[in-house]
Amino acid sequence: MFHIIVLAGLLMAQPEETASVGHWENGPPSGPNDFPIAVWLQDPKYAGRYKQAGINLYVGLWRGPTEAQLAALKDAGMSVICSQNKVGLAHKKDKTIVGWMHGDEPDNAQLITDPESGRRSYGGPVPPSRILEDYERLRATDPSRPILLNLGQGVANDDWKGRGRGARLDDYLTYVKGGDIVSFDVYPVAGLDRPDGADYLWYVAKGIDRLLKWSEGRRIVWNCIESSRISNEKAKITPHQVRAEVWMALVHGSRGLIYFVHQFKPSFNDHALLDDPELLTAVTAINRQILELAPALNRPTIEDGALVVSSNEQVPIDVMVKRHSGSTYVFAVGMRNAQTRGSFTVRDLPAQAEAEVLGEDRHLTLKDGRFEDEFQPYDVHLYKIRSQGPDQSTPVP
């Protein structure tokens, strides 16, 4: 028996003004073929290798930006979002810098120093009002670039104790006003400190849904993706899980990705992804496919574009529908760590159509917009359906 799991009402249409980052004179590239794919806090000397992996943006620079860091990134053709320090402001006309950023994870507990004893301990998070003040200061200094605010796992993980004393969930209603681009990080496999972390990849989607809701769709939402073991010596994300996290994010409305590639245990490696052939190959393939699909991803989402029925009521299949150049794209993700079968009904298709399953070398026949497909745990299937004749390539509005 089939159960309706993903309803058409869950397909969120993005406001067109948040579909790109093109309203800043010196912001990230915003053409139809552009999509921001970043890496967190990396040495500029690795920029060429990251470009080969499909990464087009650095976020954060260690104790920077410095003159040497900016020069190296410029030589490599790599853009950066960085702190608005004196060196950065001296380069306001430099197109290498495409955004400014707050300090990382202000919603987490902050180190405080006792003025009498000098002892350091953790207190509460940065007050949301201070983030708003900093945002206005950063924006007033340079309104030509967006301000990035990256928040911690408390956005999605209600069990997280790392926000410290005095933290409240409704703080986020104010935090999200403190950036033009609001991001967050949750690392279910490596970072939840629980043996069944792999069952919680859907926290990625939960956090994005919350940021979109809390910001009322008025902020661009990005998110971070785990791509190393970080500090977890027992578990490391697999290539299949990375792909699932990425497409959960995109399907739920993320407009930019930031890969976290550091490893702290069993030994420190600030660029662990580059030394992991299996994950690096997978991330490279994911990024290249995203950039190939950017013209479709950058189109408005078709609200109520598809209905999906899952054979396993415990495994939702979440979808996003786009239309571009005469084709309908249905991007689908199995949202739990279990198998199911999806029955799809796609709106506004001819009586007979064919879906190419991108990257899988297979095709499915549709009748009256309907088709079915199998989903192994955390499977991603990307369908391209030709809905017009080959000579009709005008984009669907």
Protein backbone atom coordinates (compact mmCIF):
# COMPACT_ATOMS: atom_id res chain seq x y z
CA MET A 1 0.00 0.00 0.00
CA PHE A 2 1.27 3.47 -0.87
CA HIS A 3 1.12 6.38 1.54
CA ILE A 4 1.19 10.05 0.62
CA ILE A 5 4.31 11.48 2.20
CA VAL A 6 5.39 14.53 0.17
CA LEU A 7 2.50 16.78 -0.68
CA ALA A 8 2.51 19.45 -3.34
CA GLY A 9 2.26 22.11 -0.67
CA LEU A 10 5.78 21.26 0.49
CA LEU A 11 7.26 22.47 -2.78
CA MET A 12 8.34 25.94 -1.75
CA ALA A 13 8.47 28.57 -4.46
CA GLN A 14 11.37 30.91 -3.88
CA PRO A 15 10.78 34.61 -4.31
CA GLU A 16 12.48 35.67 -7.50
CA GLU A 17 14.46 38.33 -5.66
CA THR A 18 16.15 35.56 -3.62
CA ALA A 19 16.80 33.29 -6.59
CA SER A 20 20.23 34.82 -7.18
CA VAL A 21 22.72 37.16 -5.54
CA GLY A 22 22.81 39.67 -8.31
CA HIS A 23 21.72 42.84 -6.56
CA TRP A 24 25.16 43.69 -5.15
CA GLU A 25 27.56 45.51 -7.41
CA ASN A 26 30.56 43.59 -6.07
CA GLY A 27 28.80 40.43 -4.88
CA PRO A 28 29.24 36.87 -6.09
CA PRO A 29 28.67 36.19 -9.81
CA SER A 30 24.95 35.92 -10.50
CA GLY A 31 24.57 34.80 -14.11
CA PRO A 32 22.30 31.94 -15.13
CA ASN A 33 25.27 29.53 -15.16
CA ASP A 34 26.60 30.56 -11.74
CA PHE A 35 26.11 28.76 -8.45
CA PRO A 36 28.20 29.44 -5.32
CA ILE A 37 30.13 26.37 -4.17
CA ALA A 38 32.54 27.28 -1.39
CA VAL A 39 35.09 25.79 0.97
CA TRP A 40 35.54 26.92 4.55
CA LEU A 41 38.72 28.59 5.89
CA GLN A 42 41.36 27.26 3.52
CA ASP A 43 44.89 28.32 2.67
CA PRO A 44 44.93 30.16 -0.67
CA LYS A 45 47.79 27.93 -1.84
CA TYR A 46 45.21 25.18 -2.38
CA ALA A 47 42.90 27.33 -4.52
CA GLY A 48 43.93 25.71 -7.79
CA ARG A 49 43.19 22.24 -6.50
CA TYR A 50 39.82 23.33 -5.19
CA LYS A 51 38.96 24.89 -8.54
CA GLN A 52 39.64 21.52 -10.15
CA ALA A 53 37.09 20.07 -7.71
CA GLY A 54 34.43 22.53 -8.87
CA ILE A 55 34.76 24.98 -5.99
CA ASN A 56 34.49 28.63 -6.95
CA LEU A 57 34.55 30.47 -3.62
CA TYR A 58 36.52 30.66 -0.39
CA VAL A 59 34.68 31.55 2.82
CA GLY A 60 36.93 32.83 5.58
CA LEU A 61 40.69 33.33 5.71
CA TRP A 62 42.82 32.37 8.69
CA ARG A 63 43.81 35.58 10.49
CA GLY A 64 42.99 37.44 7.32
CA PRO A 65 42.52 38.74 4.85
CA THR A 66 46.17 39.58 4.41
CA GLU A 67 47.81 41.09 1.36
CA ALA A 68 49.48 37.78 0.55
CA GLN A 69 46.23 35.83 0.85
CA LEU A 70 44.32 38.17 -1.45
CA ALA A 71 47.14 38.21 -3.99
CA ALA A 72 47.26 34.40 -4.08
CA LEU A 73 43.49 34.12 -4.52
CA LYS A 74 43.52 36.73 -7.26
CA ASP A 75 46.25 34.87 -9.11
CA ALA A 76 44.20 31.66 -8.84
CA GLY A 77 40.99 33.34 -9.99
CA MET A 78 39.24 32.40 -6.74
CA SER A 79 36.68 34.70 -5.09
CA VAL A 80 36.42 35.09 -1.32
CA ILE A 81 34.02 36.17 1.41
CA CYS A 82 36.14 37.37 4.32
CA SER A 83 36.34 39.59 7.37
CA GLN A 84 36.08 43.33 6.90
CA ASN A 85 39.46 44.21 8.38
CA LYS A 86 41.83 47.02 7.35
CA VAL A 87 43.42 45.00 4.56
CA GLY A 88 40.03 43.97 3.24
CA LEU A 89 38.73 47.52 3.22
CA ALA A 90 41.87 48.66 1.42
CA HIS A 91 40.77 46.29 -1.37
CA LYS A 92 37.16 47.47 -1.69
CA LYS A 93 37.69 47.88 -5.46
CA ASP A 94 39.14 44.39 -5.79
CA LYS A 95 36.63 42.01 -7.41
CA THR A 96 38.32 39.08 -5.64
CA ILE A 97 36.35 39.98 -2.49
CA VAL A 98 32.66 39.27 -3.10
CA GLY A 99 31.30 39.55 0.44
CA TRP A 100 31.99 40.25 4.11
CA MET A 101 31.31 38.00 7.07
CA HIS A 102 30.58 38.00 10.78
CA GLY A 103 32.55 35.86 13.18
CA ASP A 104 31.58 32.20 12.89
CA GLU A 105 28.69 30.67 14.88
CA PRO A 106 27.78 33.61 17.13
CA ASP A 107 24.75 31.59 18.31
CA ASN A 108 27.07 29.17 20.15
CA ALA A 109 28.49 29.68 23.64
CA GLN A 110 31.35 32.18 23.63
CA LEU A 111 34.55 32.09 25.65
CA ILE A 112 34.63 34.64 28.45
CA THR A 113 37.48 35.62 30.77
CA ASP A 114 37.01 36.28 34.46
CA PRO A 115 38.57 39.74 35.04
CA GLU A 116 39.86 38.79 38.51
CA SER A 117 41.17 35.26 38.07
CA GLY A 118 41.86 35.34 34.35
CA ARG A 119 40.17 31.97 33.99
CA ARG A 120 38.38 31.29 30.74
CA SER A 121 35.05 29.53 30.46
CA TYR A 122 32.05 29.38 28.18
CA GLY A 123 29.14 31.72 28.71
CA GLY A 124 26.18 32.32 26.46
CA PRO A 125 25.96 33.16 22.75
CA VAL A 126 26.58 36.56 21.21
CA PRO A 127 23.41 38.60 21.85
CA PRO A 128 21.32 38.82 18.67
CA SER A 129 21.13 42.60 19.09
CA ARG A 130 24.92 42.82 18.75
CA ILE A 131 24.80 40.85 15.49
CA LEU A 132 22.27 43.36 14.16
CA GLU A 133 24.53 46.25 15.20
CA ASP A 134 27.54 44.63 13.53
CA TYR A 135 25.50 43.97 10.39
CA GLU A 136 24.50 47.62 10.08
CA ARG A 137 28.11 48.69 10.62
CA LEU A 138 29.47 46.27 8.01
CA ARG A 139 26.81 47.23 5.50
CA ALA A 140 27.28 50.96 6.04
CA THR A 141 31.02 50.59 5.44
CA ASP A 142 30.48 48.80 2.12
CA PRO A 143 26.93 48.34 0.79
CA SER A 144 28.21 46.93 -2.51
CA ARG A 145 28.78 43.43 -1.09
CA PRO A 146 26.53 41.04 0.86
CA ILE A 147 27.14 40.18 4.51
CA LEU A 148 27.35 36.46 5.36
CA LEU A 149 26.21 35.19 8.76
CA ASN A 150 27.00 31.54 9.50
CA LEU A 151 25.16 29.98 12.43
CA GLY A 152 25.74 26.72 14.28
CA GLN A 153 23.96 23.41 14.56
CA GLY A 154 21.39 24.81 17.00
CA VAL A 155 19.47 25.92 13.92
CA ALA A 156 18.51 22.27 13.33
CA ASN A 157 19.52 20.30 16.42
CA ASP A 158 17.26 21.08 19.38
CA ASP A 159 19.31 18.74 21.60
CA TRP A 160 22.49 20.76 21.09
CA LYS A 161 23.82 22.03 24.43
CA GLY A 162 26.59 24.10 22.91
CA ARG A 163 24.64 27.34 22.78
CA GLY A 164 25.34 27.98 26.44
CA ARG A 165 23.34 29.65 29.14
CA GLY A 166 20.56 32.04 28.30
CA ALA A 167 20.18 30.85 24.70
CA ARG A 168 16.65 30.68 23.29
CA LEU A 169 15.29 29.26 20.06
CA ASP A 170 13.50 32.51 19.25
CA ASP A 171 16.88 34.30 19.24
CA TYR A 172 17.13 33.09 15.65
CA LEU A 173 14.26 35.36 14.60
CA THR A 174 16.65 38.24 15.28
CA TYR A 175 19.88 36.56 14.19
CA VAL A 176 18.58 36.02 10.65
CA LYS A 177 18.16 39.77 10.24
CA GLY A 178 21.89 40.18 10.72
CA GLY A 179 22.99 38.98 7.29
CA ASP A 180 22.10 39.19 3.63
CA ILE A 181 23.18 35.57 3.24
CA VAL A 182 22.37 33.39 6.25
CA SER A 183 24.06 30.00 6.50
CA PHE A 184 24.34 27.28 9.12
CA ASP A 185 26.30 24.10 9.79
CA VAL A 186 25.16 20.74 11.07
CA TYR A 187 27.26 17.62 10.51
CA PRO A 188 24.99 14.63 11.24
CA VAL A 189 27.48 11.82 10.59
CA ALA A 190 30.60 13.26 12.21
CA GLY A 191 29.30 16.01 14.47
CA LEU A 192 26.22 14.90 16.41
CA ASP A 193 28.20 12.84 18.95
CA ARG A 194 25.81 9.92 18.68
CA PRO A 195 26.28 6.45 17.15
CA ASP A 196 23.25 6.79 14.88
CA GLY A 197 24.21 10.14 13.40
CA ALA A 198 23.87 8.71 9.90
CA ASP A 199 20.12 8.46 10.52
CA TYR A 200 19.88 12.24 10.85
CA LEU A 201 21.03 13.57 7.49
CA TRP A 202 17.61 15.21 7.26
CA TYR A 203 18.76 17.77 9.86
CA VAL A 204 20.36 19.53 6.88
CA ALA A 205 16.94 20.06 5.31
CA LYS A 206 15.33 20.90 8.67
CA GLY A 207 17.78 23.74 9.24
CA ILE A 208 17.23 25.21 5.80
CA ASP A 209 13.46 25.07 6.23
CA ARG A 210 13.80 26.90 9.53
CA LEU A 211 16.06 29.65 8.18
CA LEU A 212 13.68 30.25 5.28
CA LYS A 213 10.75 30.40 7.68
CA TRP A 214 12.48 32.55 10.28
CA SER A 215 13.68 35.02 7.65
CA GLU A 216 10.26 35.01 5.90
CA GLY A 217 12.06 34.35 2.63
CA ARG A 218 13.83 37.72 2.84
CA ARG A 219 17.33 36.33 3.17
CA ILE A 220 19.37 34.10 0.89
CA VAL A 221 20.01 30.79 2.65
CA TRP A 222 23.20 28.76 2.27
CA ASN A 223 24.49 25.84 4.32
CA CYS A 224 27.64 23.92 5.19
CA ILE A 225 28.28 20.31 4.19
CA GLU A 226 30.52 17.87 6.10
CA SER A 227 33.22 16.33 3.93
CA SER A 228 35.71 14.84 6.37
CA ARG A 229 35.65 12.93 9.65
CA ILE A 230 36.15 16.24 11.51
CA SER A 231 36.79 14.98 15.10
CA ASN A 232 34.96 11.67 14.83
CA GLU A 233 37.39 8.76 14.84
CA LYS A 234 34.59 6.21 14.49
CA ALA A 235 32.54 7.65 11.63
CA LYS A 236 33.14 9.57 8.43
CA ILE A 237 30.59 10.62 5.86
CA THR A 238 30.46 8.46 2.72
CA PRO A 239 30.29 9.76 -0.85
CA HIS A 240 26.66 8.61 -1.04
CA GLN A 241 25.79 10.52 2.12
CA VAL A 242 27.57 13.68 0.93
CA ARG A 243 25.47 13.63 -2.23
CA ALA A 244 22.33 13.13 -0.19
CA GLU A 245 23.13 16.05 2.13
CA VAL A 246 23.90 18.30 -0.84
CA TRP A 247 20.67 17.53 -2.66
CA MET A 248 18.57 17.65 0.51
CA ALA A 249 19.93 21.17 0.89
CA LEU A 250 19.22 22.20 -2.70
CA VAL A 251 15.76 20.65 -2.81
CA HIS A 252 14.81 22.52 0.35
CA GLY A 253 15.97 25.87 -0.98
CA SER A 254 19.67 26.34 -0.23
CA ARG A 255 21.22 28.75 -2.74
CA GLY A 256 24.87 28.06 -1.89
CA LEU A 257 27.10 25.36 -0.40
CA ILE A 258 30.12 25.59 1.89
CA TYR A 259 32.17 22.42 2.31
CA PHE A 260 33.79 21.88 5.71
CA VAL A 261 36.97 19.91 5.02
CA HIS A 262 38.98 20.10 8.26
CA GLN A 263 40.02 17.06 10.27
CA PHE A 264 41.03 17.44 13.93
CA LYS A 265 41.32 13.79 15.00
CA PRO A 266 43.14 11.44 14.98
CA SER A 267 45.52 14.02 13.53
CA PHE A 268 45.06 17.59 12.37
CA ASN A 269 44.64 18.23 8.66
CA ASP A 270 43.13 21.54 7.59
CA HIS A 271 42.57 20.31 4.01
CA ALA A 272 41.59 16.68 4.64
CA LEU A 273 39.28 16.51 1.64
CA LEU A 274 42.20 17.05 -0.72
CA ASP A 275 43.97 14.05 0.81
CA ASP A 276 40.93 11.75 0.60
CA PRO A 277 40.74 10.40 -2.99
CA GLU A 278 37.34 8.75 -2.54
CA LEU A 279 35.57 11.78 -1.07
CA LEU A 280 37.39 14.22 -3.35
CA THR A 281 36.27 12.30 -6.45
CA ALA A 282 32.68 12.27 -5.17
CA VAL A 283 32.63 15.95 -4.25
CA THR A 284 34.12 16.87 -7.62
CA ALA A 285 31.41 14.93 -9.44
CA ILE A 286 28.68 16.48 -7.30
CA ASN A 287 29.97 19.99 -7.93
CA ARG A 288 30.31 19.50 -11.66
CA GLN A 289 26.74 18.25 -11.88
CA ILE A 290 25.47 21.22 -9.89
CA LEU A 291 27.25 23.64 -12.19
CA GLU A 292 25.88 21.83 -15.24
CA LEU A 293 22.39 22.15 -13.77
CA ALA A 294 22.85 25.76 -12.62
CA PRO A 295 20.67 27.21 -15.43
CA ALA A 296 17.80 25.04 -14.18
CA LEU A 297 18.57 25.50 -10.47
CA ASN A 298 18.54 29.26 -10.94
CA ARG A 299 15.00 29.19 -12.33
CA PRO A 300 12.08 29.79 -9.96
CA THR A 301 10.79 26.66 -8.25
CA ILE A 302 7.43 25.44 -9.61
CA GLU A 303 5.08 25.41 -6.66
CA ASP A 304 2.84 22.31 -6.62
CA GLY A 305 4.87 21.02 -9.55
CA ALA A 306 4.79 17.39 -8.45
CA LEU A 307 3.15 15.01 -6.02
CA VAL A 308 5.12 12.07 -4.62
CA VAL A 309 3.71 9.03 -2.88
CA SER A 310 6.18 6.90 -0.89
CA SER A 311 5.61 3.18 -0.38
CA ASN A 312 7.23 3.47 3.06
CA GLU A 313 5.47 5.99 5.27
CA GLN A 314 8.67 6.33 7.33
CA VAL A 315 10.67 7.52 4.30
CA PRO A 316 9.56 10.81 2.76
CA ILE A 317 10.72 11.61 -0.75
CA ASP A 318 11.24 15.35 -1.07
CA VAL A 319 11.23 17.02 -4.47
CA MET A 320 11.89 20.30 -6.21
CA VAL A 321 10.57 21.06 -9.70
CA LYS A 322 12.17 23.48 -12.17
CA ARG A 323 11.51 24.30 -15.80
CA HIS A 324 14.20 25.44 -18.21
CA SER A 325 14.61 25.46 -21.98
CA GLY A 326 11.66 23.25 -22.72
CA SER A 327 12.43 20.65 -20.07
CA THR A 328 10.97 19.91 -16.65
CA TYR A 329 13.44 18.94 -13.95
CA VAL A 330 12.37 16.92 -10.93
CA PHE A 331 15.07 16.69 -8.27
CA ALA A 332 14.20 14.01 -5.69
CA VAL A 333 15.84 12.74 -2.48
CA GLY A 334 14.97 9.87 -0.15
CA MET A 335 14.99 11.60 3.23
CA ARG A 336 15.62 8.68 5.56
CA ASN A 337 18.14 5.87 5.93
CA ALA A 338 15.82 3.21 4.49
CA GLN A 339 14.48 1.94 1.19
CA THR A 340 11.23 3.01 -0.49
CA ARG A 341 9.51 3.28 -3.85
CA GLY A 342 8.23 6.59 -5.14
CA SER A 343 5.15 7.15 -7.30
CA PHE A 344 5.41 10.55 -9.00
CA THR A 345 2.79 12.71 -10.65
CA VAL A 346 4.30 15.71 -12.45
CA ARG A 347 2.02 18.56 -13.44
CA ASP A 348 1.61 20.06 -16.93
CA LEU A 349 3.25 17.34 -19.01
CA PRO A 350 2.01 15.84 -22.27
CA ALA A 351 0.24 12.48 -22.21
CA GLN A 352 3.45 10.72 -23.23
CA ALA A 353 6.90 11.79 -22.06
CA GLU A 354 10.28 10.34 -21.16
CA ALA A 355 12.50 11.13 -18.20
CA GLU A 356 16.26 10.89 -18.40
CA VAL A 357 17.69 10.00 -14.99
CA LEU A 358 20.74 12.23 -15.00
CA GLY A 359 24.05 10.53 -14.34
CA GLU A 360 22.51 7.05 -14.16
CA ASP A 361 22.34 6.05 -17.84
CA ARG A 362 18.67 5.12 -17.73
CA HIS A 363 15.31 6.47 -18.89
CA LEU A 364 11.76 6.16 -17.57
CA THR A 365 8.53 6.36 -19.53
CA LEU A 366 5.82 8.71 -18.24
CA LYS A 367 2.12 8.41 -18.98
CA ASP A 368 -0.08 11.36 -18.04
CA GLY A 369 2.82 12.73 -16.00
CA ARG A 370 3.16 9.59 -13.86
CA PHE A 371 6.16 7.35 -13.20
CA GLU A 372 7.63 5.22 -10.42
CA ASP A 373 11.17 4.65 -9.22
CA GLU A 374 13.09 2.80 -6.52
CA PHE A 375 15.00 4.61 -3.76
CA GLN A 376 17.70 2.89 -1.76
CA PRO A 377 18.60 4.60 1.56
CA TYR A 378 19.37 8.28 0.91
CA ASP A 379 19.18 7.90 -2.85
CA VAL A 380 19.16 10.99 -5.05
CA HIS A 381 17.47 10.82 -8.46
CA LEU A 382 17.53 13.78 -10.83
CA TYR A 383 14.99 13.58 -13.66
CA LYS A 384 15.05 15.65 -16.82
CA ILE A 385 11.73 15.43 -18.68
CA ARG A 386 11.35 16.82 -22.17
CA SER A 387 7.98 18.57 -22.07
CA GLN A 388 8.16 20.44 -25.35
CA GLY A 389 9.30 19.66 -28.87
CA PRO A 390 13.02 19.86 -29.67
CA ASP A 391 12.54 23.12 -31.56
CA GLN A 392 10.85 24.84 -28.59
CA SER A 393 13.63 25.95 -26.28
CA THR A 394 12.13 29.12 -24.81
CA PRO A 395 12.50 28.99 -21.00
CA VAL A 396 9.25 28.48 -19.13
CA PRO A 397 8.57 31.54 -16.98
